[in-house]
Amino acid sequence: MKLSDIDQSFIMAMAVIFMALGILYQVVIGVLYQRMIQSTDTLSGGDNKLLGQCKERFIQCYKLNGGVSNIAVFVDKFMNRLRFAGMSMSLMKHLSGQLMLAGVFVAGFGVCKGIIEGSRFVDLLPFYILSLFGIYLYLSVCSIVDIAGRRQMLKTNLTDYLENHSRASGTWHGTKGETAPGARTGTQ
């Protein structure tokens, strides 16, 4: 297949598809995190499958070990294992950026092909517009979705819930030498 056999409209369509998929991945990640954040308010109800699994794992670990010494690490491990459609959240985030980069690269390829074929600037302008608009839209969606902020909020909510759950069980997991709030110290 020769370079001249590839149509400019095909190149434009490929660039749009890559950019749209990159933006779509960002939106999907944001929606998943938002749903989990909303579900942490009613974690005892179990309306979110992933959070229900987290709660069950915590309860099993708590029963097996007689408590969980570091709840923040437990939550971190859980968050790092989150998957959607067989892909981890971090993979989806990185794939989103790579797809966007591929879209910009394909648009650049279209410009180079047009220059080699002797196209006018007006014929190449749609590729430049597509690249700029795509990057602007991607960055806008990234700032609106705020994956890092949502991830931190979910982590905080889960840690708070699990710490409260462990305290309600009658065991306090504070720092060494620290007693539970309201516990008797043995001195009267």
N, C-alpha and C. Protein backbone atom coordinates (compact mmCIF):
# COMPACT_ATOMS: atom_id res chain seq x y z
N MET A 1 0.85 -1.18 0.00
CA MET A 1 0.00 0.00 0.00
C MET A 1 0.89 1.24 0.00
N LYS A 2 0.60 2.12 -0.92
CA LYS A 2 1.38 3.35 -1.05
C LYS A 2 0.77 4.46 -0.21
N LEU A 3 1.60 5.44 0.09
CA LEU A 3 1.14 6.60 0.85
C LEU A 3 0.03 7.33 0.11
N SER A 4 0.11 7.36 -1.21
CA SER A 4 -0.89 8.09 -2.00
C SER A 4 -2.22 7.35 -2.06
N ASP A 5 -2.25 6.06 -1.67
CA ASP A 5 -3.49 5.30 -1.69
C ASP A 5 -4.40 5.63 -0.51
N ILE A 6 -3.82 6.24 0.54
CA ILE A 6 -4.60 6.57 1.73
C ILE A 6 -5.31 7.90 1.50
N ASP A 7 -6.61 7.90 1.69
CA ASP A 7 -7.43 9.09 1.46
C ASP A 7 -7.35 10.03 2.67
N GLN A 8 -7.39 11.33 2.40
CA GLN A 8 -7.33 12.34 3.48
C GLN A 8 -8.52 12.21 4.43
N SER A 9 -9.69 11.87 3.91
CA SER A 9 -10.87 11.74 4.78
C SER A 9 -10.71 10.54 5.72
N PHE A 10 -10.05 9.48 5.27
CA PHE A 10 -9.78 8.33 6.13
C PHE A 10 -8.84 8.72 7.27
N ILE A 11 -7.82 9.50 6.93
CA ILE A 11 -6.87 9.96 7.95
C ILE A 11 -7.59 10.85 8.97
N MET A 12 -8.44 11.71 8.48
CA MET A 12 -9.20 12.60 9.38
C MET A 12 -10.11 11.77 10.29
N ALA A 13 -10.77 10.76 9.73
CA ALA A 13 -11.67 9.91 10.53
C ALA A 13 -10.88 9.16 11.60
N MET A 14 -9.71 8.65 11.27
CA MET A 14 -8.89 7.94 12.25
C MET A 14 -8.46 8.87 13.39
N ALA A 15 -8.08 10.09 13.04
CA ALA A 15 -7.69 11.06 14.07
C ALA A 15 -8.86 11.35 15.00
N VAL A 16 -10.03 11.53 14.43
CA VAL A 16 -11.22 11.82 15.24
C VAL A 16 -11.55 10.63 16.14
N ILE A 17 -11.45 9.42 15.62
CA ILE A 17 -11.76 8.22 16.41
C ILE A 17 -10.80 8.09 17.58
N PHE A 18 -9.49 8.24 17.32
CA PHE A 18 -8.52 8.14 18.41
C PHE A 18 -8.77 9.19 19.49
N MET A 19 -9.01 10.42 19.07
CA MET A 19 -9.23 11.50 20.04
C MET A 19 -10.52 11.27 20.83
N ALA A 20 -11.57 10.83 20.14
CA ALA A 20 -12.84 10.58 20.82
C ALA A 20 -12.71 9.45 21.84
N LEU A 21 -11.97 8.40 21.49
CA LEU A 21 -11.76 7.31 22.44
C LEU A 21 -10.94 7.77 23.65
N GLY A 22 -9.95 8.62 23.43
CA GLY A 22 -9.17 9.16 24.54
C GLY A 22 -10.03 9.96 25.50
N ILE A 23 -10.90 10.78 24.96
CA ILE A 23 -11.80 11.59 25.78
C ILE A 23 -12.82 10.70 26.48
N LEU A 24 -13.33 9.69 25.76
CA LEU A 24 -14.32 8.77 26.33
C LEU A 24 -13.75 8.02 27.53
N TYR A 25 -12.51 7.58 27.45
CA TYR A 25 -11.89 6.89 28.59
C TYR A 25 -11.85 7.80 29.81
N GLN A 26 -11.51 9.06 29.64
CA GLN A 26 -11.49 9.99 30.77
C GLN A 26 -12.87 10.11 31.40
N VAL A 27 -13.90 10.22 30.57
CA VAL A 27 -15.27 10.36 31.07
C VAL A 27 -15.70 9.09 31.82
N VAL A 28 -15.38 7.92 31.27
CA VAL A 28 -15.74 6.66 31.92
C VAL A 28 -15.10 6.55 33.29
N ILE A 29 -13.82 6.87 33.38
CA ILE A 29 -13.13 6.82 34.67
C ILE A 29 -13.79 7.76 35.67
N GLY A 30 -14.10 8.97 35.23
CA GLY A 30 -14.75 9.94 36.11
C GLY A 30 -16.11 9.47 36.59
N VAL A 31 -16.89 8.87 35.70
CA VAL A 31 -18.22 8.38 36.08
C VAL A 31 -18.10 7.23 37.08
N LEU A 32 -17.15 6.32 36.84
CA LEU A 32 -16.96 5.20 37.78
C LEU A 32 -16.58 5.69 39.17
N TYR A 33 -15.62 6.61 39.24
CA TYR A 33 -15.22 7.14 40.54
C TYR A 33 -16.38 7.89 41.20
N GLN A 34 -17.13 8.66 40.44
CA GLN A 34 -18.24 9.43 41.02
C GLN A 34 -19.30 8.50 41.59
N ARG A 35 -19.60 7.42 40.88
CA ARG A 35 -20.59 6.47 41.39
C ARG A 35 -20.11 5.81 42.67
N MET A 36 -18.83 5.48 42.73
CA MET A 36 -18.30 4.87 43.95
C MET A 36 -18.31 5.87 45.10
N ILE A 37 -18.00 7.14 44.82
CA ILE A 37 -18.03 8.16 45.87
C ILE A 37 -19.45 8.30 46.41
N GLN A 38 -20.44 8.33 45.54
CA GLN A 38 -21.83 8.44 45.98
C GLN A 38 -22.26 7.21 46.76
N SER A 39 -21.73 6.06 46.39
CA SER A 39 -22.10 4.82 47.08
C SER A 39 -21.44 4.70 48.45
N THR A 40 -20.35 5.42 48.69
CA THR A 40 -19.71 5.33 50.00
C THR A 40 -20.58 5.92 51.10
N ASP A 41 -21.52 6.77 50.73
CA ASP A 41 -22.43 7.32 51.73
C ASP A 41 -23.35 6.24 52.29
N THR A 42 -23.68 5.26 51.45
CA THR A 42 -24.57 4.18 51.87
C THR A 42 -23.86 2.84 51.72
N LEU A 43 -22.63 2.76 52.18
CA LEU A 43 -21.83 1.54 52.00
C LEU A 43 -22.46 0.34 52.69
N SER A 44 -23.19 0.58 53.77
CA SER A 44 -23.82 -0.54 54.46
C SER A 44 -24.95 -1.14 53.63
N GLY A 45 -25.50 -0.35 52.70
CA GLY A 45 -26.56 -0.85 51.82
C GLY A 45 -26.05 -1.77 50.74
N GLY A 46 -24.80 -1.60 50.30
CA GLY A 46 -24.21 -2.50 49.33
C GLY A 46 -24.72 -2.33 47.92
N ASP A 47 -25.03 -1.11 47.50
CA ASP A 47 -25.56 -0.92 46.15
C ASP A 47 -24.48 -0.88 45.08
N ASN A 48 -23.21 -0.82 45.44
CA ASN A 48 -22.10 -0.82 44.49
C ASN A 48 -21.32 -2.11 44.68
N LYS A 49 -21.19 -2.89 43.61
CA LYS A 49 -20.55 -4.20 43.69
C LYS A 49 -19.10 -4.11 44.15
N LEU A 50 -18.33 -3.16 43.59
CA LEU A 50 -16.92 -3.03 43.96
C LEU A 50 -16.75 -2.65 45.42
N LEU A 51 -17.57 -1.72 45.89
CA LEU A 51 -17.46 -1.31 47.29
C LEU A 51 -17.95 -2.40 48.23
N GLY A 52 -18.94 -3.16 47.79
CA GLY A 52 -19.40 -4.29 48.58
C GLY A 52 -18.29 -5.33 48.74
N GLN A 53 -17.51 -5.54 47.66
CA GLN A 53 -16.38 -6.46 47.74
C GLN A 53 -15.32 -5.92 48.72
N CYS A 54 -15.09 -4.62 48.69
CA CYS A 54 -14.12 -4.02 49.61
C CYS A 54 -14.56 -4.25 51.05
N LYS A 55 -15.82 -4.02 51.32
CA LYS A 55 -16.35 -4.20 52.67
C LYS A 55 -16.23 -5.65 53.11
N GLU A 56 -16.57 -6.58 52.22
CA GLU A 56 -16.48 -8.00 52.55
C GLU A 56 -15.03 -8.43 52.80
N ARG A 57 -14.11 -7.96 51.97
CA ARG A 57 -12.70 -8.29 52.17
C ARG A 57 -12.19 -7.74 53.50
N PHE A 58 -12.63 -6.53 53.82
CA PHE A 58 -12.22 -5.92 55.08
C PHE A 58 -12.74 -6.75 56.26
N ILE A 59 -14.00 -7.15 56.18
CA ILE A 59 -14.60 -7.93 57.28
C ILE A 59 -13.87 -9.27 57.42
N GLN A 60 -13.58 -9.92 56.28
CA GLN A 60 -12.88 -11.20 56.34
C GLN A 60 -11.47 -11.03 56.91
N CYS A 61 -10.77 -10.01 56.47
CA CYS A 61 -9.42 -9.73 56.97
C CYS A 61 -9.47 -9.39 58.45
N TYR A 62 -10.48 -8.64 58.84
CA TYR A 62 -10.64 -8.24 60.24
C TYR A 62 -10.86 -9.47 61.13
N LYS A 63 -11.73 -10.38 60.66
CA LYS A 63 -12.02 -11.59 61.44
C LYS A 63 -10.81 -12.53 61.47
N LEU A 64 -10.15 -12.67 60.34
CA LEU A 64 -9.03 -13.60 60.22
C LEU A 64 -7.83 -13.16 61.07
N ASN A 65 -7.53 -11.87 61.04
CA ASN A 65 -6.35 -11.36 61.73
C ASN A 65 -6.64 -10.75 63.09
N GLY A 66 -7.87 -10.73 63.48
CA GLY A 66 -8.22 -10.11 64.76
C GLY A 66 -8.11 -8.60 64.70
N GLY A 67 -8.30 -8.03 63.53
CA GLY A 67 -8.22 -6.59 63.32
C GLY A 67 -7.38 -6.27 62.10
N VAL A 68 -7.44 -5.06 61.67
CA VAL A 68 -6.63 -4.58 60.56
C VAL A 68 -5.78 -3.45 61.11
N SER A 69 -4.47 -3.64 61.08
CA SER A 69 -3.59 -2.69 61.74
C SER A 69 -3.42 -1.39 60.96
N ASN A 70 -3.49 -1.46 59.65
CA ASN A 70 -3.28 -0.25 58.85
C ASN A 70 -4.37 -0.15 57.78
N ILE A 71 -5.43 0.53 58.11
CA ILE A 71 -6.59 0.62 57.22
C ILE A 71 -6.25 1.41 55.96
N ALA A 72 -5.40 2.43 56.08
CA ALA A 72 -5.04 3.23 54.90
C ALA A 72 -4.34 2.38 53.85
N VAL A 73 -3.49 1.46 54.27
CA VAL A 73 -2.81 0.57 53.32
C VAL A 73 -3.81 -0.39 52.70
N PHE A 74 -4.75 -0.88 53.49
CA PHE A 74 -5.80 -1.76 52.98
C PHE A 74 -6.59 -1.05 51.87
N VAL A 75 -6.96 0.20 52.12
CA VAL A 75 -7.71 0.97 51.13
C VAL A 75 -6.86 1.24 49.89
N ASP A 76 -5.57 1.56 50.08
CA ASP A 76 -4.68 1.78 48.93
C ASP A 76 -4.60 0.53 48.05
N LYS A 77 -4.44 -0.61 48.68
CA LYS A 77 -4.37 -1.85 47.92
C LYS A 77 -5.66 -2.10 47.15
N PHE A 78 -6.78 -1.85 47.80
CA PHE A 78 -8.07 -2.01 47.13
C PHE A 78 -8.19 -1.08 45.93
N MET A 79 -7.81 0.18 46.14
CA MET A 79 -7.92 1.18 45.06
C MET A 79 -7.01 0.82 43.88
N ASN A 80 -5.84 0.26 44.16
CA ASN A 80 -4.93 -0.12 43.09
C ASN A 80 -5.41 -1.34 42.32
N ARG A 81 -6.31 -2.12 42.90
CA ARG A 81 -6.84 -3.31 42.24
C ARG A 81 -8.14 -3.05 41.50
N LEU A 82 -8.67 -1.84 41.55
CA LEU A 82 -9.92 -1.54 40.87
C LEU A 82 -9.78 -1.78 39.37
N ARG A 83 -10.77 -2.48 38.80
CA ARG A 83 -10.76 -2.80 37.37
C ARG A 83 -12.14 -2.55 36.79
N PHE A 84 -12.14 -2.19 35.51
CA PHE A 84 -13.38 -2.05 34.76
C PHE A 84 -13.13 -2.66 33.38
N ALA A 85 -13.96 -3.60 33.00
CA ALA A 85 -13.84 -4.30 31.72
C ALA A 85 -12.45 -4.95 31.58
N GLY A 86 -11.91 -5.45 32.69
CA GLY A 86 -10.63 -6.13 32.66
C GLY A 86 -9.42 -5.23 32.68
N MET A 87 -9.62 -3.92 32.71
CA MET A 87 -8.49 -2.97 32.72
C MET A 87 -8.47 -2.22 34.04
N SER A 88 -7.26 -2.01 34.55
CA SER A 88 -7.14 -1.22 35.77
C SER A 88 -7.42 0.24 35.45
N MET A 89 -7.77 0.98 36.47
CA MET A 89 -8.08 2.40 36.28
C MET A 89 -6.85 3.17 35.81
N SER A 90 -5.68 2.82 36.31
CA SER A 90 -4.47 3.53 35.88
C SER A 90 -4.16 3.22 34.41
N LEU A 91 -4.40 1.98 33.99
CA LEU A 91 -4.20 1.64 32.58
C LEU A 91 -5.16 2.44 31.70
N MET A 92 -6.40 2.56 32.14
CA MET A 92 -7.38 3.33 31.36
C MET A 92 -6.95 4.80 31.26
N LYS A 93 -6.44 5.33 32.36
CA LYS A 93 -5.99 6.73 32.35
C LYS A 93 -4.83 6.92 31.38
N HIS A 94 -3.86 6.02 31.43
CA HIS A 94 -2.71 6.12 30.53
C HIS A 94 -3.11 5.87 29.07
N LEU A 95 -4.01 4.92 28.87
CA LEU A 95 -4.48 4.62 27.53
C LEU A 95 -5.22 5.82 26.94
N SER A 96 -5.92 6.53 27.78
CA SER A 96 -6.62 7.74 27.35
C SER A 96 -5.65 8.75 26.75
N GLY A 97 -4.56 9.00 27.46
CA GLY A 97 -3.56 9.95 26.96
C GLY A 97 -2.87 9.44 25.71
N GLN A 98 -2.61 8.14 25.64
CA GLN A 98 -1.95 7.58 24.46
C GLN A 98 -2.85 7.64 23.23
N LEU A 99 -4.14 7.41 23.43
CA LEU A 99 -5.08 7.52 22.31
C LEU A 99 -5.16 8.96 21.81
N MET A 100 -5.15 9.89 22.72
CA MET A 100 -5.17 11.30 22.32
C MET A 100 -3.91 11.64 21.54
N LEU A 101 -2.79 11.19 22.01
CA LEU A 101 -1.52 11.41 21.32
C LEU A 101 -1.53 10.76 19.94
N ALA A 102 -2.11 9.57 19.83
CA ALA A 102 -2.21 8.90 18.53
C ALA A 102 -3.08 9.71 17.57
N GLY A 103 -4.16 10.31 18.09
CA GLY A 103 -5.01 11.15 17.24
C GLY A 103 -4.26 12.35 16.70
N VAL A 104 -3.47 12.99 17.55
CA VAL A 104 -2.67 14.14 17.12
C VAL A 104 -1.61 13.70 16.11
N PHE A 105 -1.01 12.54 16.36
CA PHE A 105 -0.01 12.01 15.43
C PHE A 105 -0.62 11.72 14.06
N VAL A 106 -1.79 11.11 14.04
CA VAL A 106 -2.46 10.81 12.76
C VAL A 106 -2.81 12.10 12.03
N ALA A 107 -3.26 13.10 12.76
CA ALA A 107 -3.55 14.40 12.12
C ALA A 107 -2.27 15.00 11.54
N GLY A 108 -1.17 14.89 12.27
CA GLY A 108 0.11 15.36 11.74
C GLY A 108 0.53 14.59 10.51
N PHE A 109 0.26 13.29 10.51
CA PHE A 109 0.53 12.47 9.34
C PHE A 109 -0.27 12.97 8.13
N GLY A 110 -1.53 13.35 8.38
CA GLY A 110 -2.37 13.89 7.30
C GLY A 110 -1.80 15.18 6.74
N VAL A 111 -1.27 16.02 7.61
CA VAL A 111 -0.65 17.28 7.16
C VAL A 111 0.59 16.97 6.32
N CYS A 112 1.44 16.08 6.80
CA CYS A 112 2.66 15.72 6.05
C CYS A 112 2.30 15.14 4.69
N LYS A 113 1.31 14.27 4.66
CA LYS A 113 0.87 13.69 3.38
C LYS A 113 0.37 14.77 2.44
N GLY A 114 -0.37 15.72 2.99
CA GLY A 114 -0.87 16.81 2.16
C GLY A 114 0.25 17.69 1.62
N ILE A 115 1.26 17.95 2.44
CA ILE A 115 2.40 18.75 1.99
C ILE A 115 3.16 18.02 0.88
N ILE A 116 3.35 16.71 1.04
CA ILE A 116 4.05 15.93 0.03
C ILE A 116 3.29 15.94 -1.28
N GLU A 117 1.96 15.88 -1.19
CA GLU A 117 1.14 15.88 -2.40
C GLU A 117 0.94 17.28 -2.98
N GLY A 118 1.40 18.30 -2.29
CA GLY A 118 1.29 19.66 -2.80
C GLY A 118 -0.05 20.32 -2.53
N SER A 119 -0.73 19.89 -1.46
CA SER A 119 -2.01 20.50 -1.11
C SER A 119 -1.82 21.92 -0.63
N ARG A 120 -2.87 22.72 -0.79
CA ARG A 120 -2.84 24.10 -0.31
C ARG A 120 -3.05 24.14 1.20
N PHE A 121 -2.69 25.25 1.79
CA PHE A 121 -2.84 25.42 3.24
C PHE A 121 -4.30 25.28 3.65
N VAL A 122 -5.21 25.77 2.84
CA VAL A 122 -6.64 25.69 3.14
C VAL A 122 -7.09 24.23 3.24
N ASP A 123 -6.47 23.36 2.43
CA ASP A 123 -6.81 21.93 2.49
C ASP A 123 -6.24 21.26 3.73
N LEU A 124 -5.17 21.81 4.27
CA LEU A 124 -4.53 21.24 5.46
C LEU A 124 -5.08 21.81 6.76
N LEU A 125 -5.75 22.94 6.69
CA LEU A 125 -6.26 23.62 7.87
C LEU A 125 -7.17 22.75 8.75
N PRO A 126 -8.03 21.90 8.17
CA PRO A 126 -8.87 21.06 9.05
C PRO A 126 -8.07 20.17 10.01
N PHE A 127 -6.90 19.71 9.59
CA PHE A 127 -6.08 18.87 10.46
C PHE A 127 -5.56 19.68 11.66
N TYR A 128 -5.14 20.92 11.41
CA TYR A 128 -4.68 21.79 12.48
C TYR A 128 -5.81 22.12 13.44
N ILE A 129 -6.97 22.43 12.88
CA ILE A 129 -8.13 22.76 13.71
C ILE A 129 -8.54 21.56 14.56
N LEU A 130 -8.55 20.38 13.93
CA LEU A 130 -8.91 19.17 14.65
C LEU A 130 -7.94 18.91 15.80
N SER A 131 -6.67 19.05 15.55
CA SER A 131 -5.67 18.81 16.60
C SER A 131 -5.84 19.79 17.76
N LEU A 132 -5.96 21.06 17.45
CA LEU A 132 -6.11 22.06 18.52
C LEU A 132 -7.41 21.88 19.29
N PHE A 133 -8.50 21.66 18.56
CA PHE A 133 -9.80 21.47 19.22
C PHE A 133 -9.79 20.20 20.06
N GLY A 134 -9.21 19.12 19.53
CA GLY A 134 -9.15 17.86 20.26
C GLY A 134 -8.35 17.98 21.54
N ILE A 135 -7.19 18.62 21.45
CA ILE A 135 -6.35 18.79 22.66
C ILE A 135 -7.06 19.67 23.68
N TYR A 136 -7.70 20.75 23.21
CA TYR A 136 -8.43 21.63 24.12
C TYR A 136 -9.56 20.86 24.81
N LEU A 137 -10.31 20.09 24.05
CA LEU A 137 -11.42 19.33 24.62
C LEU A 137 -10.92 18.28 25.61
N TYR A 138 -9.83 17.61 25.27
CA TYR A 138 -9.25 16.60 26.16
C TYR A 138 -8.81 17.22 27.48
N LEU A 139 -8.09 18.34 27.41
CA LEU A 139 -7.64 19.00 28.63
C LEU A 139 -8.80 19.53 29.46
N SER A 140 -9.85 20.00 28.78
CA SER A 140 -11.03 20.47 29.50
C SER A 140 -11.71 19.34 30.24
N VAL A 141 -11.87 18.21 29.56
CA VAL A 141 -12.51 17.05 30.19
C VAL A 141 -11.65 16.56 31.36
N CYS A 142 -10.33 16.54 31.18
CA CYS A 142 -9.43 16.10 32.27
C CYS A 142 -9.60 16.98 33.50
N SER A 143 -9.72 18.28 33.30
CA SER A 143 -9.86 19.17 34.46
C SER A 143 -11.24 19.06 35.09
N ILE A 144 -12.26 18.81 34.30
CA ILE A 144 -13.60 18.64 34.85
C ILE A 144 -13.72 17.33 35.60
N VAL A 145 -13.18 16.26 35.02
CA VAL A 145 -13.27 14.93 35.63
C VAL A 145 -12.44 14.87 36.91
N ASP A 146 -11.25 15.46 36.91
CA ASP A 146 -10.36 15.52 38.08
C ASP A 146 -10.21 14.15 38.74
N ILE A 147 -9.59 13.24 38.01
CA ILE A 147 -9.43 11.87 38.48
C ILE A 147 -8.68 11.81 39.81
N ALA A 148 -7.62 12.58 39.94
CA ALA A 148 -6.83 12.56 41.18
C ALA A 148 -7.66 13.01 42.37
N GLY A 149 -8.45 14.05 42.19
CA GLY A 149 -9.30 14.54 43.28
C GLY A 149 -10.38 13.55 43.66
N ARG A 150 -10.99 12.94 42.66
CA ARG A 150 -12.04 11.95 42.95
C ARG A 150 -11.45 10.70 43.61
N ARG A 151 -10.28 10.32 43.16
CA ARG A 151 -9.61 9.15 43.75
C ARG A 151 -9.30 9.42 45.23
N GLN A 152 -8.80 10.62 45.53
CA GLN A 152 -8.50 10.98 46.91
C GLN A 152 -9.76 11.04 47.76
N MET A 153 -10.85 11.55 47.19
CA MET A 153 -12.11 11.64 47.93
C MET A 153 -12.64 10.24 48.24
N LEU A 154 -12.55 9.33 47.25
CA LEU A 154 -13.00 7.95 47.47
C LEU A 154 -12.14 7.28 48.53
N LYS A 155 -10.85 7.51 48.47
CA LYS A 155 -9.94 6.93 49.46
C LYS A 155 -10.27 7.43 50.86
N THR A 156 -10.51 8.72 50.98
CA THR A 156 -10.86 9.31 52.28
C THR A 156 -12.17 8.73 52.80
N ASN A 157 -13.18 8.64 51.95
CA ASN A 157 -14.48 8.10 52.37
C ASN A 157 -14.37 6.64 52.81
N LEU A 158 -13.63 5.83 52.03
CA LEU A 158 -13.47 4.42 52.39
C LEU A 158 -12.70 4.25 53.70
N THR A 159 -11.62 5.01 53.84
CA THR A 159 -10.83 4.92 55.06
C THR A 159 -11.66 5.31 56.27
N ASP A 160 -12.42 6.38 56.15
CA ASP A 160 -13.28 6.83 57.24
C ASP A 160 -14.31 5.77 57.60
N TYR A 161 -14.95 5.20 56.60
CA TYR A 161 -15.97 4.18 56.87
C TYR A 161 -15.36 2.96 57.55
N LEU A 162 -14.24 2.48 57.02
CA LEU A 162 -13.63 1.27 57.57
C LEU A 162 -13.06 1.51 58.97
N GLU A 163 -12.52 2.69 59.22
CA GLU A 163 -12.06 3.00 60.57
C GLU A 163 -13.22 3.04 61.55
N ASN A 164 -14.33 3.63 61.13
CA ASN A 164 -15.51 3.66 62.00
C ASN A 164 -16.03 2.25 62.23
N HIS A 165 -15.98 1.42 61.19
CA HIS A 165 -16.44 0.04 61.32
C HIS A 165 -15.56 -0.73 62.31
N SER A 166 -14.24 -0.51 62.25
CA SER A 166 -13.36 -1.22 63.17
C SER A 166 -13.54 -0.72 64.60
N ARG A 167 -13.81 0.56 64.77
CA ARG A 167 -14.05 1.10 66.12
C ARG A 167 -15.37 0.58 66.68
N ALA A 168 -16.36 0.45 65.81
CA ALA A 168 -17.66 -0.06 66.26
C ALA A 168 -17.54 -1.52 66.68
N SER A 169 -16.55 -2.21 66.15
CA SER A 169 -16.34 -3.62 66.53
C SER A 169 -15.71 -3.74 67.91
N GLY A 170 -15.27 -2.63 68.49
CA GLY A 170 -14.72 -2.65 69.83
C GLY A 170 -13.21 -2.67 69.88
N THR A 171 -12.57 -2.57 68.75
CA THR A 171 -11.11 -2.60 68.73
C THR A 171 -10.61 -1.27 68.23
N TRP A 172 -9.61 -0.74 68.89
CA TRP A 172 -9.04 0.53 68.48
C TRP A 172 -7.67 0.26 67.89
N HIS A 173 -7.40 0.86 66.73
CA HIS A 173 -6.13 0.66 66.05
C HIS A 173 -5.40 1.97 65.93
N GLY A 174 -5.08 2.57 67.06
CA GLY A 174 -4.34 3.82 67.05
C GLY A 174 -2.84 3.58 67.05
N THR A 175 -2.10 4.63 67.28
CA THR A 175 -0.64 4.48 67.34
C THR A 175 -0.27 3.80 68.64
N LYS A 176 0.95 3.35 68.73
CA LYS A 176 1.42 2.59 69.88
C LYS A 176 1.27 3.41 71.16
N GLY A 177 0.65 2.79 72.15
CA GLY A 177 0.48 3.46 73.43
C GLY A 177 -0.78 4.31 73.50
N GLU A 178 -1.50 4.48 72.42
CA GLU A 178 -2.70 5.30 72.39
C GLU A 178 -3.90 4.45 72.79
N THR A 179 -4.78 5.00 73.59
CA THR A 179 -5.96 4.26 73.99
C THR A 179 -7.15 4.75 73.21
N ALA A 180 -8.17 3.94 73.18
CA ALA A 180 -9.37 4.29 72.46
C ALA A 180 -10.05 5.48 73.13
N PRO A 181 -10.73 6.30 72.35
CA PRO A 181 -11.44 7.44 72.92
C PRO A 181 -12.47 6.96 73.93
N GLY A 182 -12.44 7.52 75.12
CA GLY A 182 -13.42 7.18 76.14
C GLY A 182 -13.08 5.89 76.90
N ALA A 183 -11.95 5.27 76.58
CA ALA A 183 -11.57 4.02 77.25
C ALA A 183 -10.99 4.34 78.62
N ARG A 184 -11.16 3.41 79.53
CA ARG A 184 -10.59 3.58 80.87
C ARG A 184 -9.10 3.31 80.84
N THR A 185 -8.34 4.09 81.57
CA THR A 185 -6.89 3.92 81.60
C THR A 185 -6.42 3.08 82.77
N GLY A 186 -7.31 2.67 83.61
CA GLY A 186 -6.93 1.85 84.77
C GLY A 186 -6.69 2.66 86.01
N THR A 187 -6.57 3.96 85.90
CA THR A 187 -6.38 4.81 87.09
C THR A 187 -7.69 5.49 87.39
N GLN A 188 -8.02 5.58 88.62
CA GLN A 188 -9.28 6.20 89.00
C GLN A 188 -9.05 7.49 89.70
